Amino acid sequence: MGCFGRSFQSAFSSSSSKTAGSGNYKHSRSESHQVSAGGGAVEESFTSQTSSDTSAGTNGKVKDVISDSRSKTRRTRGLDNASSPHASSPRYMDEEWFRKDYERAVDLMNFVRRHGTMSQLEADFISEVLQRFNRLLDTRGRNEAKRSIDVRRSRSSVDGLATQPSYNPGEMDYQLQRFIKVRDDGTSESTTPHEQRLERFRKLVHAVSFSLRARKAARNRKAASASEPQSEEVANLLRFINSWHDFNVFALSTVSGGNELELTATAVFHEHNLFEIFSLDVTKTVNYFHAVSKHYRKNPYHNSVHATDVLQSTHVLITSGLGEFLSDLEKLAVLLAAMVHDIGHLGYNNPFLVDTKHDLALRYNDQSVNEHYHACLAFQIMHEDPSCDLTSSLTENQSKMLRKIVVDIVLKTDMAVHFTMLNSFTEYLDNYGANVEEWDEEGRTLARAMIVHTADLTNVSRPTHLATQWGTRVVDEMWRQGDEEKRIGKALSPLCDRETTSVASAQVGFSNFIVKPLLEQVGRVMDVGFLNSGVDAYVAHYEAELAKEQATDKK
């Protein structure tokens, strides 16, 4: 398996490694030995083989185990023939038989995760396991399967499953993902050991499914990555997808070979269950993430790394309380807007484009030129290439609402409307309180935009060693604009003269007069202590730098 695919596998299987680690996992495995008669020998063979940390003879061992398991499974279940009646027999549908299948797959996938590679033989075996699960979805055995596995799912999901065509061999459709997803009544935590193993297996199957599909999408792309990212390093970095202070987007960009946006977008969508909720086509969605990433230009600041940072920041703000009022569709739109909010940015601000009569300024009548272009390009990618149509599974009304929300949010990232937005947000808080659910539609629209706008401006509240990199990058981009203004004989824009602009002074001013007043109002909706502490450290750093500059000037 290519490393592109493995990065998905490792990233999403890592979430289960805490519960399926060597100690806890061995405990659950020994428990399964006591209740799973008839398959213990094969499972014991798997455990002894996968516990080895040596790399020598790995492929041979796996091959022997897979061969043994495959032949054992076929003998005991009569699966040599794809149409075998055993596939839908009451015995096959029994929970104990199902348990043996998924525990065997867990063993293999844990082995693959530890050794960091997946051969074609291993992929074929996992595909074969998934095909056996597909048989559980066969019309003849669907009702028995539902009873034996105790699957909770919505009526619409059941209705959709009944109309699905046959599944492709080796591919797990999103309906299968939803079918296997087991929850305890109304909660996300499983209670019984059996349900915990089912939940752990669901996550591992998600990882393998994403890996296979992402690998297929990568093969179809014209320019495959020459140096594949190291999946283990990517997985380690994506473990902090929910953390404001520990997520390092610069390191992720380096180890992923520039795939940071698509990896982070996939992880964030997975965190919010958006693939399942909207039945998003995995291949089309990953293709769209890749296309968006490639449309970001190599600017010092407005690039795919910045888009990734804003996307992850938006995710953290949503889960920290600022997005409690969002519906699932609104959440999808807000995250999508965060990802595309600067797509195609030319590296010049709006006044420069207007003053130079740039084609984009003429097209958009000098109004929020960059932002109109970003919103246009985001949907143009979907429209012009059906293989990138992320919205293909949405209803017509959902697609219209998604587009409306995304466009509105992107247009409101224009700094020209910052103070207008902040004043309106403050008025809504004063008049209606901090519960956005009680605001009218205009207020709700404003609150959605404020999430992304806040994420866009608060990279200064990251840990200082990361935040200062953003400070340097944004000033570098402004200086490049200043260089171009000098070249064409235009007056230099504020802070764009590299000869006179102080980086420290610019960053202290931006933090004190833009970011802190913004966080003061956002703090009325959610706890912003972790953001304020970052900004304070950032300001202290640059105030020290400014003091050094002033001391040097006096000399």
Protein backbone atom coordinates (compact mmCIF):
# COMPACT_ATOMS: atom_id res chain seq x y z
CA MET A 1 0.00 0.00 0.00
CA GLY A 2 1.30 3.45 -0.89
CA CYS A 3 2.16 5.70 2.00
CA PHE A 4 -0.60 8.09 0.97
CA GLY A 5 -3.11 5.39 1.79
CA ARG A 6 -1.22 4.29 4.89
CA SER A 7 -1.37 7.79 6.30
CA PHE A 8 -5.15 7.56 6.33
CA GLN A 9 -5.01 4.11 7.83
CA SER A 10 -2.59 5.05 10.59
CA ALA A 11 -4.33 8.32 11.35
CA PHE A 12 -7.71 6.78 11.95
CA SER A 13 -6.59 3.51 13.45
CA SER A 14 -4.51 5.42 15.98
CA SER A 15 -7.71 6.51 17.68
CA SER A 16 -8.36 2.92 18.59
CA SER A 17 -4.80 2.07 19.58
CA LYS A 18 -5.36 3.32 23.11
CA THR A 19 -8.01 0.71 23.72
CA ALA A 20 -6.44 -1.92 21.52
CA GLY A 21 -2.88 -1.57 22.75
CA SER A 22 -0.66 -4.43 23.72
CA GLY A 23 -1.84 -4.65 27.35
CA ASN A 24 -5.57 -3.99 27.10
CA TYR A 25 -5.83 -5.73 23.79
CA LYS A 26 -4.28 -8.93 25.09
CA HIS A 27 -6.80 -8.87 27.93
CA SER A 28 -9.74 -8.61 25.58
CA ARG A 29 -8.19 -11.26 23.35
CA SER A 30 -7.87 -13.70 26.24
CA GLU A 31 -11.48 -13.00 27.11
CA SER A 32 -12.51 -13.87 23.58
CA HIS A 33 -10.66 -17.19 23.82
CA GLN A 34 -13.01 -18.23 26.58
CA VAL A 35 -16.20 -17.49 24.66
CA SER A 36 -15.19 -18.30 21.09
CA ALA A 37 -15.10 -22.02 20.59
CA GLY A 38 -13.94 -23.42 17.27
CA GLY A 39 -11.63 -20.59 16.25
CA GLY A 40 -9.23 -20.39 19.14
CA ALA A 41 -6.32 -22.10 17.38
CA VAL A 42 -6.33 -19.64 14.52
CA GLU A 43 -6.73 -16.66 16.87
CA GLU A 44 -3.92 -17.91 19.11
CA SER A 45 -1.72 -18.24 16.02
CA PHE A 46 -2.56 -14.66 15.11
CA THR A 47 -1.69 -13.37 18.57
CA SER A 48 1.65 -15.14 18.70
CA GLN A 49 2.58 -13.96 15.23
CA THR A 50 1.49 -10.33 15.67
CA SER A 51 3.17 -9.88 19.04
CA SER A 52 6.57 -10.23 17.39
CA ASP A 53 8.43 -6.96 16.90
CA THR A 54 11.05 -8.37 14.59
CA SER A 55 10.90 -7.40 10.95
CA ALA A 56 12.64 -10.50 9.56
CA GLY A 57 10.28 -12.95 7.95
CA THR A 58 7.29 -10.65 8.39
CA ASN A 59 5.71 -11.28 5.02
CA GLY A 60 6.15 -15.03 5.35
CA LYS A 61 4.54 -15.10 8.77
CA VAL A 62 1.62 -13.01 7.64
CA LYS A 63 1.21 -15.17 4.58
CA ASP A 64 1.07 -18.34 6.68
CA VAL A 65 -1.42 -16.83 9.12
CA ILE A 66 -3.63 -15.47 6.36
CA SER A 67 -3.56 -18.76 4.50
CA ASP A 68 -4.39 -20.70 7.66
CA SER A 69 -7.16 -18.31 8.59
CA ARG A 70 -8.62 -18.24 5.07
CA SER A 71 -8.72 -22.03 4.76
CA LYS A 72 -10.06 -22.44 8.29
CA THR A 73 -12.81 -19.91 7.63
CA ARG A 74 -13.81 -21.57 4.38
CA ARG A 75 -13.88 -25.04 5.93
CA THR A 76 -15.95 -24.04 8.95
CA ARG A 77 -18.37 -21.71 7.17
CA GLY A 78 -18.56 -23.18 3.70
CA LEU A 79 -17.55 -19.96 1.99
CA ASP A 80 -15.53 -21.41 -0.89
CA ASN A 81 -18.57 -20.74 -3.03
CA ALA A 82 -19.70 -17.11 -3.00
CA SER A 83 -23.32 -18.20 -3.17
CA SER A 84 -22.98 -20.74 -0.40
CA PRO A 85 -26.18 -21.06 1.67
CA HIS A 86 -24.01 -21.00 4.80
CA ALA A 87 -23.47 -17.27 4.26
CA SER A 88 -27.04 -16.58 5.33
CA SER A 89 -27.63 -19.54 7.62
CA PRO A 90 -28.78 -18.91 11.21
CA ARG A 91 -25.47 -20.35 12.47
CA TYR A 92 -23.40 -17.92 10.41
CA MET A 93 -25.55 -15.06 11.61
CA ASP A 94 -24.96 -16.11 15.23
CA GLU A 95 -23.05 -13.51 17.21
CA GLU A 96 -20.23 -15.91 18.09
CA TRP A 97 -19.44 -16.55 14.41
CA PHE A 98 -19.52 -12.85 13.67
CA ARG A 99 -17.19 -12.20 16.59
CA LYS A 100 -14.56 -14.61 15.27
CA ASP A 101 -14.54 -12.79 11.93
CA TYR A 102 -14.01 -9.33 13.28
CA GLU A 103 -11.46 -10.39 15.92
CA ARG A 104 -9.41 -12.09 13.22
CA ALA A 105 -9.51 -8.89 11.15
CA VAL A 106 -8.56 -6.84 14.23
CA ASP A 107 -5.48 -9.02 14.69
CA LEU A 108 -4.35 -8.46 11.14
CA MET A 109 -5.01 -4.73 11.11
CA ASN A 110 -3.19 -4.26 14.42
CA PHE A 111 -0.25 -6.15 12.93
CA VAL A 112 -0.31 -3.91 9.87
CA ARG A 113 -0.40 -0.79 12.02
CA ARG A 114 2.59 -1.86 14.12
CA HIS A 115 4.77 -2.76 11.14
CA GLY A 116 3.66 0.24 9.05
CA THR A 117 3.23 -1.68 5.79
CA MET A 118 0.46 -3.49 3.96
CA SER A 119 1.25 -5.95 1.21
CA GLN A 120 -1.14 -6.87 -1.57
CA LEU A 121 -1.66 -10.21 0.19
CA GLU A 122 -2.76 -8.45 3.36
CA ALA A 123 -5.01 -6.07 1.47
CA ASP A 124 -6.61 -9.01 -0.35
CA PHE A 125 -7.28 -10.79 2.91
CA ILE A 126 -8.88 -7.73 4.52
CA SER A 127 -10.98 -7.29 1.38
CA GLU A 128 -12.08 -10.92 1.71
CA VAL A 129 -13.10 -10.31 5.33
CA LEU A 130 -15.10 -7.28 4.25
CA GLN A 131 -16.79 -9.32 1.54
CA ARG A 132 -17.99 -11.73 4.21
CA PHE A 133 -19.51 -8.78 6.03
CA ASN A 134 -21.16 -7.76 2.78
CA ARG A 135 -22.93 -11.10 2.82
CA LEU A 136 -24.43 -10.09 6.14
CA LEU A 137 -26.17 -7.35 4.20
CA ASP A 138 -27.67 -9.83 1.77
CA THR A 139 -31.47 -9.70 1.65
CA ARG A 140 -31.76 -13.29 2.88
CA GLY A 141 -29.93 -12.59 6.14
CA ARG A 142 -30.36 -8.89 6.79
CA ASN A 143 -33.00 -9.23 9.50
CA GLU A 144 -31.06 -11.93 11.35
CA ALA A 145 -27.88 -9.88 11.11
CA LYS A 146 -29.60 -6.84 12.56
CA ARG A 147 -30.84 -8.86 15.53
CA SER A 148 -27.52 -10.62 16.20
CA ILE A 149 -25.26 -7.56 16.04
CA ASP A 150 -27.75 -5.21 17.72
CA VAL A 151 -27.23 -2.35 15.30
CA ARG A 152 -28.90 0.99 16.05
CA ARG A 153 -29.58 3.08 12.97
CA SER A 154 -32.16 5.47 11.62
CA ARG A 155 -35.15 4.49 9.51
CA SER A 156 -33.77 6.41 6.56
CA SER A 157 -30.53 4.43 6.77
CA VAL A 158 -32.44 1.12 6.69
CA ASP A 159 -34.56 2.28 3.77
CA GLY A 160 -31.45 3.42 1.89
CA LEU A 161 -29.73 0.10 2.51
CA ALA A 162 -32.64 -1.84 1.01
CA THR A 163 -32.24 -0.04 -2.31
CA GLN A 164 -28.46 -0.25 -2.57
CA PRO A 165 -26.96 -2.18 -5.53
CA SER A 166 -24.44 -4.96 -4.99
CA TYR A 167 -21.20 -3.92 -3.35
CA ASN A 168 -17.99 -3.97 -5.32
CA PRO A 169 -15.53 -6.70 -4.24
CA GLY A 170 -12.90 -5.41 -1.84
CA GLU A 171 -14.66 -2.07 -1.33
CA MET A 172 -16.66 -1.18 1.76
CA ASP A 173 -19.52 1.17 0.95
CA TYR A 174 -20.54 3.89 3.34
CA GLN A 175 -23.72 1.92 4.08
CA LEU A 176 -21.58 -0.94 5.39
CA GLN A 177 -19.72 1.53 7.57
CA ARG A 178 -23.02 2.75 8.98
CA PHE A 179 -24.27 -0.82 9.39
CA ILE A 180 -21.27 -1.86 11.49
CA LYS A 181 -21.31 1.31 13.58
CA VAL A 182 -22.62 0.24 16.98
CA ARG A 183 -23.58 2.60 19.76
CA ASP A 184 -25.04 2.10 23.18
CA ASP A 185 -28.52 3.65 23.36
CA GLY A 186 -28.19 7.37 22.69
CA THR A 187 -24.51 7.61 23.61
CA SER A 188 -21.19 7.40 21.86
CA GLU A 189 -19.59 5.18 24.51
CA SER A 190 -20.01 1.40 24.48
CA THR A 191 -20.60 -0.29 27.81
CA THR A 192 -20.22 -4.04 27.44
CA PRO A 193 -16.89 -5.63 26.45
CA HIS A 194 -18.55 -7.01 23.34
CA GLU A 195 -19.81 -3.58 22.25
CA GLN A 196 -16.41 -2.07 22.97
CA ARG A 197 -14.78 -4.62 20.66
CA LEU A 198 -17.39 -3.90 18.00
CA GLU A 199 -16.73 -0.17 18.28
CA ARG A 200 -12.96 -0.72 18.10
CA PHE A 201 -13.35 -2.91 15.06
CA ARG A 202 -15.58 -0.31 13.38
CA LYS A 203 -12.82 2.27 13.70
CA LEU A 204 -10.22 -0.11 12.29
CA VAL A 205 -12.44 -1.00 9.35
CA HIS A 206 -12.95 2.71 8.68
CA ALA A 207 -9.18 3.10 8.54
CA VAL A 208 -8.66 0.27 6.07
CA SER A 209 -11.57 1.39 3.91
CA PHE A 210 -10.25 4.94 3.73
CA SER A 211 -6.78 3.62 2.94
CA LEU A 212 -7.95 1.46 0.03
CA ARG A 213 -10.07 4.21 -1.47
CA ALA A 214 -7.50 6.94 -0.97
CA ARG A 215 -4.86 4.73 -2.58
CA LYS A 216 -7.14 4.21 -5.57
CA ALA A 217 -7.75 7.96 -5.84
CA ALA A 218 -4.01 8.62 -5.60
CA ARG A 219 -3.31 6.14 -8.42
CA ASN A 220 -5.78 7.93 -10.66
CA ARG A 221 -4.15 11.30 -10.12
CA LYS A 222 -1.76 12.30 -12.85
CA ALA A 223 0.99 13.49 -10.55
CA ALA A 224 1.42 10.99 -7.73
CA SER A 225 3.63 12.12 -4.91
CA ALA A 226 7.29 11.34 -5.61
CA SER A 227 8.21 11.13 -1.96
CA GLU A 228 5.38 9.47 -0.01
CA PRO A 229 4.73 10.75 3.54
CA GLN A 230 5.73 8.61 6.49
CA SER A 231 2.42 7.29 7.82
CA GLU A 232 3.58 6.88 11.41
CA GLU A 233 4.76 10.48 11.67
CA VAL A 234 1.54 11.73 10.07
CA ALA A 235 -0.55 9.65 12.46
CA ASN A 236 1.37 10.98 15.45
CA LEU A 237 0.72 14.57 14.38
CA LEU A 238 -2.95 13.97 13.61
CA ARG A 239 -3.42 12.59 17.11
CA PHE A 240 -3.62 16.23 18.16
CA ILE A 241 -6.39 17.14 15.70
CA ASN A 242 -8.57 18.26 18.65
CA SER A 243 -5.89 20.30 20.39
CA TRP A 244 -5.25 24.02 20.02
CA HIS A 245 -1.79 23.99 21.55
CA ASP A 246 -0.38 20.65 20.36
CA PHE A 247 -1.44 20.62 16.70
CA ASN A 248 1.63 21.55 14.61
CA VAL A 249 0.54 22.32 11.06
CA PHE A 250 4.07 23.16 9.91
CA ALA A 251 5.40 19.77 10.96
CA LEU A 252 2.41 18.06 9.34
CA SER A 253 3.06 19.87 6.08
CA THR A 254 6.68 18.71 6.11
CA VAL A 255 6.15 15.03 6.90
CA SER A 256 3.09 14.68 4.64
CA GLY A 257 4.87 16.05 1.59
CA GLY A 258 2.44 18.96 1.23
CA ASN A 259 -0.72 16.91 1.79
CA GLU A 260 -1.55 18.62 5.08
CA LEU A 261 -4.87 20.11 3.95
CA GLU A 262 -6.43 16.93 2.58
CA LEU A 263 -5.25 14.87 5.54
CA THR A 264 -6.54 17.37 8.08
CA ALA A 265 -9.82 17.86 6.22
CA THR A 266 -10.41 14.11 6.16
CA ALA A 267 -9.61 13.82 9.85
CA VAL A 268 -11.89 16.72 10.77
CA PHE A 269 -14.77 15.42 8.65
CA HIS A 270 -14.27 12.05 10.31
CA GLU A 271 -14.32 13.63 13.78
CA HIS A 272 -17.76 15.13 13.03
CA ASN A 273 -19.06 11.95 11.32
CA LEU A 274 -19.84 13.97 8.18
CA PHE A 275 -19.00 11.09 5.83
CA GLU A 276 -21.69 9.01 7.46
CA ILE A 277 -24.30 11.66 8.19
CA PHE A 278 -24.40 12.85 4.57
CA SER A 279 -23.31 9.60 2.91
CA LEU A 280 -20.43 11.49 1.29
CA ASP A 281 -18.67 9.64 -1.51
CA VAL A 282 -15.19 9.00 -0.09
CA THR A 283 -13.35 9.12 -3.42
CA LYS A 284 -15.06 12.31 -4.61
CA THR A 285 -14.53 13.97 -1.25
CA VAL A 286 -10.83 13.11 -1.10
CA ASN A 287 -10.46 14.24 -4.72
CA TYR A 288 -12.05 17.57 -3.80
CA PHE A 289 -9.76 18.03 -0.82
CA HIS A 290 -6.78 17.36 -3.08
CA ALA A 291 -8.01 19.77 -5.78
CA VAL A 292 -8.59 22.53 -3.23
CA SER A 293 -5.10 22.01 -1.84
CA LYS A 294 -3.52 22.27 -5.29
CA HIS A 295 -5.42 25.50 -6.08
CA TYR A 296 -3.74 27.26 -3.17
CA ARG A 297 -0.72 29.18 -4.42
CA LYS A 298 2.80 29.12 -2.98
CA ASN A 299 2.44 32.40 -1.10
CA PRO A 300 4.35 32.98 2.14
CA TYR A 301 1.11 33.30 4.13
CA HIS A 302 -2.08 32.70 2.10
CA ASN A 303 -1.36 29.09 1.18
CA SER A 304 -2.62 25.59 1.95
CA VAL A 305 -0.82 25.54 5.30
CA HIS A 306 -2.80 28.61 6.39
CA ALA A 307 -6.01 27.00 5.11
CA THR A 308 -5.21 23.88 7.14
CA ASP A 309 -4.54 25.96 10.23
CA VAL A 310 -7.85 27.82 9.89
CA LEU A 311 -9.74 24.57 9.26
CA GLN A 312 -8.32 22.91 12.37
CA SER A 313 -8.89 26.10 14.38
CA THR A 314 -12.52 26.17 13.23
CA HIS A 315 -12.90 22.55 14.29
CA VAL A 316 -11.54 23.30 17.77
CA LEU A 317 -13.73 26.41 18.16
CA ILE A 318 -16.83 24.42 17.16
CA THR A 319 -16.10 21.67 19.65
CA SER A 320 -15.16 24.17 22.37
CA GLY A 321 -18.62 25.75 22.45
CA LEU A 322 -18.69 28.38 19.72
CA GLY A 323 -20.53 26.03 17.37
CA GLU A 324 -23.01 24.36 19.71
CA PHE A 325 -25.93 25.86 17.79
CA LEU A 326 -24.87 24.42 14.43
CA SER A 327 -26.93 21.79 12.65
CA ASP A 328 -25.08 19.01 10.83
CA LEU A 329 -25.48 20.80 7.49
CA GLU A 330 -24.30 24.09 8.98
CA LYS A 331 -21.30 22.31 10.48
CA LEU A 332 -20.43 20.83 7.08
CA ALA A 333 -20.73 24.28 5.48
CA VAL A 334 -18.68 26.06 8.15
CA LEU A 335 -15.83 23.56 7.91
CA LEU A 336 -15.91 23.67 4.12
CA ALA A 337 -15.83 27.48 4.19
CA ALA A 338 -12.81 27.39 6.50
CA MET A 339 -10.99 25.10 4.09
CA VAL A 340 -11.65 27.20 0.96
CA HIS A 341 -11.73 30.71 2.44
CA ASP A 342 -8.46 31.78 0.76
CA ILE A 343 -8.29 29.35 -2.18
CA GLY A 344 -6.46 30.80 -5.17
CA HIS A 345 -5.25 33.86 -3.23
CA LEU A 346 -2.83 35.85 -5.40
CA GLY A 347 -0.77 37.17 -2.48
CA TYR A 348 -2.06 40.75 -2.90
CA ASN A 349 -4.74 42.46 -0.83
CA ASN A 350 -7.99 43.88 -2.22
CA PRO A 351 -6.91 47.56 -2.38
CA PHE A 352 -3.91 46.55 -4.50
CA LEU A 353 -6.09 44.56 -6.94
CA VAL A 354 -8.54 47.45 -7.22
CA ASP A 355 -5.85 50.10 -7.59
CA THR A 356 -4.07 48.15 -10.33
CA LYS A 357 -7.36 47.36 -12.12
CA HIS A 358 -6.71 43.66 -11.92
CA ASP A 359 -8.99 41.38 -13.94
CA LEU A 360 -10.55 40.05 -10.75
CA ALA A 361 -11.31 43.57 -9.55
CA LEU A 362 -13.06 44.31 -12.84
CA ARG A 363 -14.98 41.01 -12.66
CA TYR A 364 -16.24 41.61 -9.13
CA ASN A 365 -16.74 45.38 -9.41
CA ASP A 366 -14.11 46.21 -6.78
CA GLN A 367 -16.19 44.55 -4.03
CA SER A 368 -14.40 42.05 -1.76
CA VAL A 369 -12.40 40.97 -4.79
CA ASN A 370 -10.33 38.17 -3.22
CA GLU A 371 -13.26 36.78 -1.24
CA HIS A 372 -15.59 36.64 -4.26
CA TYR A 373 -12.89 34.81 -6.18
CA HIS A 374 -12.34 32.29 -3.36
CA ALA A 375 -16.06 31.49 -3.13
CA CYS A 376 -16.35 31.18 -6.90
CA LEU A 377 -13.36 28.87 -7.25
CA ALA A 378 -14.51 26.61 -4.41
CA PHE A 379 -17.69 25.68 -6.27
CA GLN A 380 -16.20 25.89 -9.75
CA ILE A 381 -14.01 22.88 -8.89
CA MET A 382 -17.09 20.81 -8.05
CA HIS A 383 -19.03 22.01 -11.10
CA GLU A 384 -16.31 21.42 -13.67
CA ASP A 385 -15.10 18.03 -12.42
CA PRO A 386 -17.81 15.54 -11.32
CA SER A 387 -15.13 13.36 -9.72
CA CYS A 388 -14.59 16.21 -7.23
CA ASP A 389 -18.26 16.89 -6.51
CA LEU A 390 -18.33 16.64 -2.74
CA THR A 391 -22.04 17.56 -2.73
CA SER A 392 -23.17 14.73 -5.04
CA SER A 393 -24.90 12.84 -2.20
CA LEU A 394 -26.77 15.89 -0.88
CA THR A 395 -30.35 16.73 -1.78
CA GLU A 396 -31.03 19.75 -3.96
CA ASN A 397 -32.17 21.81 -0.97
CA GLN A 398 -29.13 20.78 1.06
CA SER A 399 -26.80 21.75 -1.80
CA LYS A 400 -28.44 25.16 -2.14
CA MET A 401 -28.26 25.84 1.58
CA LEU A 402 -24.65 24.65 1.75
CA ARG A 403 -23.63 26.98 -1.07
CA LYS A 404 -25.46 29.92 0.49
CA ILE A 405 -23.76 29.45 3.86
CA VAL A 406 -20.28 28.88 2.42
CA VAL A 407 -20.44 31.94 0.16
CA ASP A 408 -21.71 34.15 3.00
CA ILE A 409 -18.96 33.01 5.38
CA VAL A 410 -16.16 33.42 2.83
CA LEU A 411 -17.30 36.93 1.89
CA LYS A 412 -17.31 37.91 5.56
CA THR A 413 -13.61 37.02 5.90
CA ASP A 414 -12.86 40.36 4.19
CA MET A 415 -11.11 42.50 6.82
CA ALA A 416 -12.96 45.52 5.43
CA VAL A 417 -16.10 44.29 7.22
CA HIS A 418 -14.35 43.21 10.45
CA PHE A 419 -15.51 46.06 12.68
CA THR A 420 -19.03 46.02 11.23
CA MET A 421 -19.28 42.30 12.03
CA LEU A 422 -17.83 42.71 15.51
CA ASN A 423 -20.24 45.53 16.35
CA SER A 424 -23.23 43.53 15.11
CA PHE A 425 -22.08 40.48 17.05
CA THR A 426 -21.77 42.59 20.20
CA GLU A 427 -25.28 44.00 19.70
CA TYR A 428 -26.77 40.53 19.38
CA LEU A 429 -25.02 39.43 22.55
CA ASP A 430 -26.30 42.52 24.37
CA ASN A 431 -29.89 42.14 23.13
CA TYR A 432 -30.39 38.37 22.95
CA GLY A 433 -27.77 36.87 25.24
CA ALA A 434 -25.10 34.24 24.59
CA ASN A 435 -27.48 31.45 23.51
CA VAL A 436 -27.31 31.70 19.72
CA GLU A 437 -30.22 29.26 19.44
CA GLU A 438 -32.46 32.15 20.49
CA TRP A 439 -31.15 34.54 17.81
CA ASP A 440 -33.04 35.25 14.61
CA GLU A 441 -31.82 34.00 11.23
CA GLU A 442 -29.75 37.12 10.59
CA GLY A 443 -27.99 36.64 13.91
CA ARG A 444 -27.45 32.98 13.23
CA THR A 445 -25.88 33.84 9.87
CA LEU A 446 -23.58 36.28 11.63
CA ALA A 447 -22.62 33.72 14.30
CA ARG A 448 -21.65 31.15 11.66
CA ALA A 449 -19.37 33.66 9.95
CA MET A 450 -17.82 34.68 13.27
CA ILE A 451 -16.56 31.14 13.85
CA VAL A 452 -14.40 31.11 10.71
CA HIS A 453 -13.49 34.79 11.06
CA THR A 454 -12.22 34.13 14.59
CA ALA A 455 -10.26 31.08 13.42
CA ASP A 456 -8.76 33.18 10.63
CA LEU A 457 -7.41 35.83 13.00
CA THR A 458 -6.27 33.86 16.02
CA ASN A 459 -3.16 32.06 14.84
CA VAL A 460 -1.40 34.57 17.12
CA SER A 461 -2.85 32.60 20.06
CA ARG A 462 -1.06 29.40 19.09
CA PRO A 463 2.05 28.48 21.10
CA THR A 464 4.62 31.21 20.57
CA HIS A 465 7.03 29.05 18.54
CA LEU A 466 4.20 28.47 16.02
CA ALA A 467 2.52 31.87 16.24
CA THR A 468 5.71 33.78 15.47
CA GLN A 469 6.09 31.82 12.25
CA TRP A 470 2.71 33.15 11.15
CA GLY A 471 3.75 36.67 12.12
CA THR A 472 6.88 36.41 9.99
CA ARG A 473 5.00 34.90 7.03
CA VAL A 474 2.26 37.52 6.88
CA VAL A 475 4.75 40.40 7.00
CA ASP A 476 6.87 38.72 4.32
CA GLU A 477 3.86 38.55 2.02
CA MET A 478 3.03 42.19 2.67
CA TRP A 479 6.61 43.16 1.90
CA ARG A 480 6.41 41.31 -1.40
CA GLN A 481 3.38 43.38 -2.29
CA GLY A 482 5.34 46.48 -1.33
CA ASP A 483 8.16 45.41 -3.65
CA GLU A 484 5.66 45.08 -6.50
CA GLU A 485 4.15 48.48 -5.69
CA LYS A 486 7.62 50.00 -5.89
CA ARG A 487 8.28 48.27 -9.19
CA ILE A 488 5.13 49.61 -10.87
CA GLY A 489 5.43 53.06 -9.31
CA LYS A 490 2.49 52.90 -6.90
CA ALA A 491 2.37 54.36 -3.42
CA LEU A 492 3.29 51.75 -0.83
CA SER A 493 0.42 50.31 1.21
CA PRO A 494 0.59 50.42 5.03
CA LEU A 495 3.09 47.94 6.53
CA CYS A 496 4.31 46.94 3.06
CA ASP A 497 7.64 48.75 3.12
CA ARG A 498 10.32 46.31 4.19
CA GLU A 499 12.71 49.20 4.82
CA THR A 500 10.62 50.92 7.49
CA THR A 501 8.09 48.39 8.82
CA SER A 502 8.78 46.86 12.22
CA VAL A 503 7.53 43.28 12.48
CA ALA A 504 7.33 43.51 16.27
CA SER A 505 5.34 46.75 16.21
CA ALA A 506 2.94 45.42 13.57
CA GLN A 507 2.24 42.22 15.52
CA VAL A 508 1.73 43.96 18.85
CA GLY A 509 -0.68 46.40 17.24
CA PHE A 510 -2.62 43.67 15.42
CA SER A 511 -2.95 41.58 18.59
CA ASN A 512 -4.01 44.45 20.85
CA PHE A 513 -6.41 46.25 18.53
CA ILE A 514 -7.88 43.42 16.45
CA VAL A 515 -7.54 40.06 18.19
CA LYS A 516 -8.09 40.95 21.85
CA PRO A 517 -11.34 42.93 21.31
CA LEU A 518 -12.60 40.07 19.15
CA LEU A 519 -11.86 37.48 21.83
CA GLU A 520 -13.51 39.67 24.44
CA GLN A 521 -16.86 39.24 22.66
CA VAL A 522 -16.32 35.63 21.64
CA GLY A 523 -15.57 34.97 25.31
CA ARG A 524 -19.20 35.75 26.09
CA VAL A 525 -20.18 32.60 24.17
CA MET A 526 -17.34 30.18 25.00
CA ASP A 527 -14.36 29.92 27.33
CA VAL A 528 -11.47 31.67 25.56
CA GLY A 529 -8.91 31.31 28.32
CA PHE A 530 -6.70 29.07 26.20
CA LEU A 531 -6.81 31.67 23.41
CA ASN A 532 -6.11 34.67 25.65
CA SER A 533 -3.10 32.99 27.24
CA GLY A 534 -1.62 32.39 23.78
CA VAL A 535 -2.19 35.99 22.68
CA ASP A 536 -0.66 37.34 25.90
CA ALA A 537 2.47 35.23 25.36
CA TYR A 538 2.65 36.37 21.74
CA VAL A 539 2.37 40.05 22.66
CA ALA A 540 4.97 39.65 25.42
CA HIS A 541 7.37 38.07 22.93
CA TYR A 542 7.06 40.90 20.42
CA GLU A 543 7.07 43.61 23.08
CA ALA A 544 10.47 42.27 24.13
CA GLU A 545 11.58 42.36 20.49
CA LEU A 546 10.25 45.90 20.14
CA ALA A 547 12.17 47.01 23.24
CA LYS A 548 15.35 45.62 21.68
CA GLU A 549 14.68 47.51 18.45
CA GLN A 550 14.09 50.76 20.32
CA ALA A 551 17.23 50.28 22.36
CA THR A 552 19.21 49.74 19.16
CA ASP A 553 17.72 52.87 17.58
CA LYS A 554 18.80 55.01 20.54
CA LYS A 555 22.37 53.87 20.08
